[in-house]
């Protein structure tokens, strides 16, 4: 039964690794250096941002999302359980379900780069001659 959770957890882990990246306008600089060099420069700017303290992600939100989900699930479960005569069981099931949903939401959201990280990477890329137009 525990093995059933391996596939979804691996899928979540993979999704967490594949976060958004800067989209570059095809200006003369990008055309002259090519997409391969641009990808290398993006990674270089991302590493530089992390080296200078611009956190790559907001993973601190994962615990908060889990706790909020657990609390909301417990309250909802207690109400549902009280209706059918088992508030304690309903609260426990609701808390587990809510915490799981909060954890998954937090994990997916944590793959989004922080605003400071994005701005740092964009500035770095502009200094190299690129024109970042957003993240995708």
C-alpha atoms as a PDB file:
ATOM      1  CA  UNK A   1       0.000   0.000   0.000  1.00  0.00           C
ATOM      2  CA  UNK A   2       2.843   2.426   0.787  1.00  0.00           C
ATOM      3  CA  UNK A   3       4.339   1.916  -2.681  1.00  0.00           C
ATOM      4  CA  UNK A   4       1.310   3.612  -4.240  1.00  0.00           C
ATOM      5  CA  UNK A   5       2.626   6.979  -3.009  1.00  0.00           C
ATOM      6  CA  UNK A   6       6.017   6.649  -4.740  1.00  0.00           C
ATOM      7  CA  UNK A   7       4.831   7.617  -8.233  1.00  0.00           C
ATOM      8  CA  UNK A   8       2.912  10.769  -7.189  1.00  0.00           C
ATOM      9  CA  UNK A   9       5.788  11.888  -4.976  1.00  0.00           C
ATOM     10  CA  UNK A  10       8.287  11.425  -7.812  1.00  0.00           C
ATOM     11  CA  UNK A  11       6.007  13.399 -10.116  1.00  0.00           C
ATOM     12  CA  UNK A  12       5.821  16.216  -7.568  1.00  0.00           C
ATOM     13  CA  UNK A  13       9.579  16.202  -7.144  1.00  0.00           C
ATOM     14  CA  UNK A  14      10.061  16.448 -10.895  1.00  0.00           C
ATOM     15  CA  UNK A  15       7.534  19.259 -11.122  1.00  0.00           C
ATOM     16  CA  UNK A  16       9.360  21.102  -8.358  1.00  0.00           C
ATOM     17  CA  UNK A  17      12.621  20.997 -10.303  1.00  0.00           C
ATOM     18  CA  UNK A  18      11.148  22.354 -13.507  1.00  0.00           C
ATOM     19  CA  UNK A  19      10.430  25.909 -12.429  1.00  0.00           C
ATOM     20  CA  UNK A  20       9.835  28.947 -14.600  1.00  0.00           C
ATOM     21  CA  UNK A  21      12.730  30.566 -16.401  1.00  0.00           C
ATOM     22  CA  UNK A  22      13.230  33.954 -18.054  1.00  0.00           C
ATOM     23  CA  UNK A  23      11.871  34.489 -21.544  1.00  0.00           C
ATOM     24  CA  UNK A  24      14.201  36.531 -23.718  1.00  0.00           C
ATOM     25  CA  UNK A  25      13.174  38.882 -26.505  1.00  0.00           C
ATOM     26  CA  UNK A  26      14.966  37.883 -29.730  1.00  0.00           C
ATOM     27  CA  UNK A  27      17.121  41.022 -29.978  1.00  0.00           C
ATOM     28  CA  UNK A  28      20.382  41.287 -31.942  1.00  0.00           C
ATOM     29  CA  UNK A  29      22.437  40.032 -28.984  1.00  0.00           C
ATOM     30  CA  UNK A  30      20.380  36.855 -28.570  1.00  0.00           C
ATOM     31  CA  UNK A  31      20.490  36.231 -32.318  1.00  0.00           C
ATOM     32  CA  UNK A  32      24.278  36.660 -32.394  1.00  0.00           C
ATOM     33  CA  UNK A  33      25.096  34.398 -29.413  1.00  0.00           C
ATOM     34  CA  UNK A  34      22.432  31.742 -30.010  1.00  0.00           C
ATOM     35  CA  UNK A  35      20.026  29.915 -27.732  1.00  0.00           C
ATOM     36  CA  UNK A  36      22.706  27.598 -26.275  1.00  0.00           C
ATOM     37  CA  UNK A  37      24.799  30.489 -24.979  1.00  0.00           C
ATOM     38  CA  UNK A  38      21.665  32.235 -23.730  1.00  0.00           C
ATOM     39  CA  UNK A  39      20.706  29.140 -21.672  1.00  0.00           C
ATOM     40  CA  UNK A  40      24.214  29.074 -20.209  1.00  0.00           C
ATOM     41  CA  UNK A  41      23.994  32.777 -19.348  1.00  0.00           C
ATOM     42  CA  UNK A  42      20.587  32.274 -17.709  1.00  0.00           C
ATOM     43  CA  UNK A  43      22.012  29.528 -15.483  1.00  0.00           C
ATOM     44  CA  UNK A  44      25.034  31.697 -14.700  1.00  0.00           C
ATOM     45  CA  UNK A  45      22.777  34.596 -13.665  1.00  0.00           C
ATOM     46  CA  UNK A  46      20.612  32.280 -11.549  1.00  0.00           C
ATOM     47  CA  UNK A  47      23.701  30.948  -9.743  1.00  0.00           C
ATOM     48  CA  UNK A  48      24.995  34.495  -9.208  1.00  0.00           C
ATOM     49  CA  UNK A  49      21.634  35.507  -7.733  1.00  0.00           C
ATOM     50  CA  UNK A  50      21.804  32.651  -5.235  1.00  0.00           C
ATOM     51  CA  UNK A  51      25.440  33.458  -4.378  1.00  0.00           C
ATOM     52  CA  UNK A  52      24.409  37.006  -3.482  1.00  0.00           C
ATOM     53  CA  UNK A  53      21.438  35.993  -1.337  1.00  0.00           C
ATOM     54  CA  UNK A  54      18.535  36.314  -3.762  1.00  0.00           C
ATOM     55  CA  UNK A  55      16.729  33.133  -2.694  1.00  0.00           C
ATOM     56  CA  UNK A  56      15.773  30.929  -5.611  1.00  0.00           C
ATOM     57  CA  UNK A  57      12.460  29.843  -4.161  1.00  0.00           C
ATOM     58  CA  UNK A  58      10.039  30.426  -1.365  1.00  0.00           C
ATOM     59  CA  UNK A  59      10.299  26.961   0.196  1.00  0.00           C
ATOM     60  CA  UNK A  60       9.590  28.404   3.637  1.00  0.00           C
ATOM     61  CA  UNK A  61       5.970  28.636   2.523  1.00  0.00           C
ATOM     62  CA  UNK A  62       5.669  24.831   2.298  1.00  0.00           C
ATOM     63  CA  UNK A  63       5.376  24.373   6.079  1.00  0.00           C
ATOM     64  CA  UNK A  64       2.899  27.220   6.314  1.00  0.00           C
ATOM     65  CA  UNK A  65       0.712  25.797   3.561  1.00  0.00           C
ATOM     66  CA  UNK A  66       0.790  22.384   5.226  1.00  0.00           C
ATOM     67  CA  UNK A  67      -0.210  23.808   8.620  1.00  0.00           C
ATOM     68  CA  UNK A  68      -2.981  25.966   7.182  1.00  0.00           C
ATOM     69  CA  UNK A  69      -4.299  23.048   5.133  1.00  0.00           C
ATOM     70  CA  UNK A  70      -4.255  20.796   8.188  1.00  0.00           C
ATOM     71  CA  UNK A  71      -6.123  23.322  10.324  1.00  0.00           C
ATOM     72  CA  UNK A  72      -8.745  24.012   7.675  1.00  0.00           C
ATOM     73  CA  UNK A  73      -9.145  20.298   6.996  1.00  0.00           C
ATOM     74  CA  UNK A  74      -9.561  19.516  10.695  1.00  0.00           C
ATOM     75  CA  UNK A  75     -12.267  22.150  11.086  1.00  0.00           C
ATOM     76  CA  UNK A  76     -14.100  21.010   7.978  1.00  0.00           C
ATOM     77  CA  UNK A  77     -13.728  17.356   8.928  1.00  0.00           C
ATOM     78  CA  UNK A  78     -15.022  17.988  12.452  1.00  0.00           C
ATOM     79  CA  UNK A  79     -18.149  19.657  11.084  1.00  0.00           C
ATOM     80  CA  UNK A  80     -18.722  16.868   8.577  1.00  0.00           C
ATOM     81  CA  UNK A  81     -18.016  14.232  11.228  1.00  0.00           C
ATOM     82  CA  UNK A  82     -20.391  15.887  13.702  1.00  0.00           C
ATOM     83  CA  UNK A  83     -23.171  15.684  11.136  1.00  0.00           C
ATOM     84  CA  UNK A  84     -22.757  11.905  10.864  1.00  0.00           C
ATOM     85  CA  UNK A  85     -21.977  11.427  14.562  1.00  0.00           C
ATOM     86  CA  UNK A  86     -18.169  11.172  14.662  1.00  0.00           C
ATOM     87  CA  UNK A  87     -16.602  14.603  15.000  1.00  0.00           C
ATOM     88  CA  UNK A  88     -13.242  13.226  16.240  1.00  0.00           C
ATOM     89  CA  UNK A  89     -12.780  10.846  13.316  1.00  0.00           C
ATOM     90  CA  UNK A  90     -13.972  13.506  10.891  1.00  0.00           C
ATOM     91  CA  UNK A  91     -11.488  16.003  12.303  1.00  0.00           C
ATOM     92  CA  UNK A  92      -8.618  13.496  12.043  1.00  0.00           C
ATOM     93  CA  UNK A  93      -9.462  12.556   8.449  1.00  0.00           C
ATOM     94  CA  UNK A  94     -10.000  16.217   7.554  1.00  0.00           C
ATOM     95  CA  UNK A  95      -6.689  17.247   9.122  1.00  0.00           C
ATOM     96  CA  UNK A  96      -4.770  14.571   7.238  1.00  0.00           C
ATOM     97  CA  UNK A  97      -6.478  15.413   3.956  1.00  0.00           C
ATOM     98  CA  UNK A  98      -6.057  19.160   4.452  1.00  0.00           C
ATOM     99  CA  UNK A  99      -2.408  18.841   5.448  1.00  0.00           C
ATOM    100  CA  UNK A 100      -1.699  16.713   2.381  1.00  0.00           C
ATOM    101  CA  UNK A 101      -3.419  19.210   0.107  1.00  0.00           C
ATOM    102  CA  UNK A 102      -1.526  22.068   1.791  1.00  0.00           C
ATOM    103  CA  UNK A 103       1.774  20.234   1.398  1.00  0.00           C
ATOM    104  CA  UNK A 104       1.195  19.597  -2.304  1.00  0.00           C
ATOM    105  CA  UNK A 105       0.136  23.216  -2.860  1.00  0.00           C
ATOM    106  CA  UNK A 106       3.189  24.441  -0.973  1.00  0.00           C
ATOM    107  CA  UNK A 107       5.536  22.193  -2.939  1.00  0.00           C
ATOM    108  CA  UNK A 108       4.143  23.328  -6.260  1.00  0.00           C
ATOM    109  CA  UNK A 109       4.215  26.981  -5.249  1.00  0.00           C
ATOM    110  CA  UNK A 110       7.770  26.712  -3.897  1.00  0.00           C
ATOM    111  CA  UNK A 111       9.079  25.999  -7.398  1.00  0.00           C
ATOM    112  CA  UNK A 112       8.195  29.582  -8.305  1.00  0.00           C
ATOM    113  CA  UNK A 113      11.295  31.824  -8.017  1.00  0.00           C
ATOM    114  CA  UNK A 114      11.038  34.654  -5.497  1.00  0.00           C
ATOM    115  CA  UNK A 115      10.471  38.176  -6.783  1.00  0.00           C
ATOM    116  CA  UNK A 116      13.949  39.280  -5.703  1.00  0.00           C
ATOM    117  CA  UNK A 117      15.509  36.300  -7.490  1.00  0.00           C
ATOM    118  CA  UNK A 118      13.639  37.143 -10.708  1.00  0.00           C
ATOM    119  CA  UNK A 119      14.687  40.802 -10.577  1.00  0.00           C
ATOM    120  CA  UNK A 120      18.307  39.856  -9.910  1.00  0.00           C
ATOM    121  CA  UNK A 121      18.404  37.418 -12.840  1.00  0.00           C
ATOM    122  CA  UNK A 122      16.699  39.915 -15.152  1.00  0.00           C
ATOM    123  CA  UNK A 123      19.228  42.644 -14.244  1.00  0.00           C
ATOM    124  CA  UNK A 124      22.115  40.246 -14.791  1.00  0.00           C
ATOM    125  CA  UNK A 125      20.742  39.267 -18.200  1.00  0.00           C
ATOM    126  CA  UNK A 126      20.212  42.903 -19.224  1.00  0.00           C
ATOM    127  CA  UNK A 127      23.825  43.624 -18.233  1.00  0.00           C
ATOM    128  CA  UNK A 128      24.871  40.824 -20.604  1.00  0.00           C
ATOM    129  CA  UNK A 129      22.879  42.359 -23.474  1.00  0.00           C
ATOM    130  CA  UNK A 130      19.657  40.321 -23.314  1.00  0.00           C
ATOM    131  CA  UNK A 131      16.128  41.686 -23.017  1.00  0.00           C
ATOM    132  CA  UNK A 132      14.138  39.559 -20.550  1.00  0.00           C
ATOM    133  CA  UNK A 133      10.393  40.065 -21.086  1.00  0.00           C
ATOM    134  CA  UNK A 134       8.931  37.786 -18.404  1.00  0.00           C
ATOM    135  CA  UNK A 135       9.047  34.272 -16.952  1.00  0.00           C
ATOM    136  CA  UNK A 136       7.462  31.091 -18.223  1.00  0.00           C
END
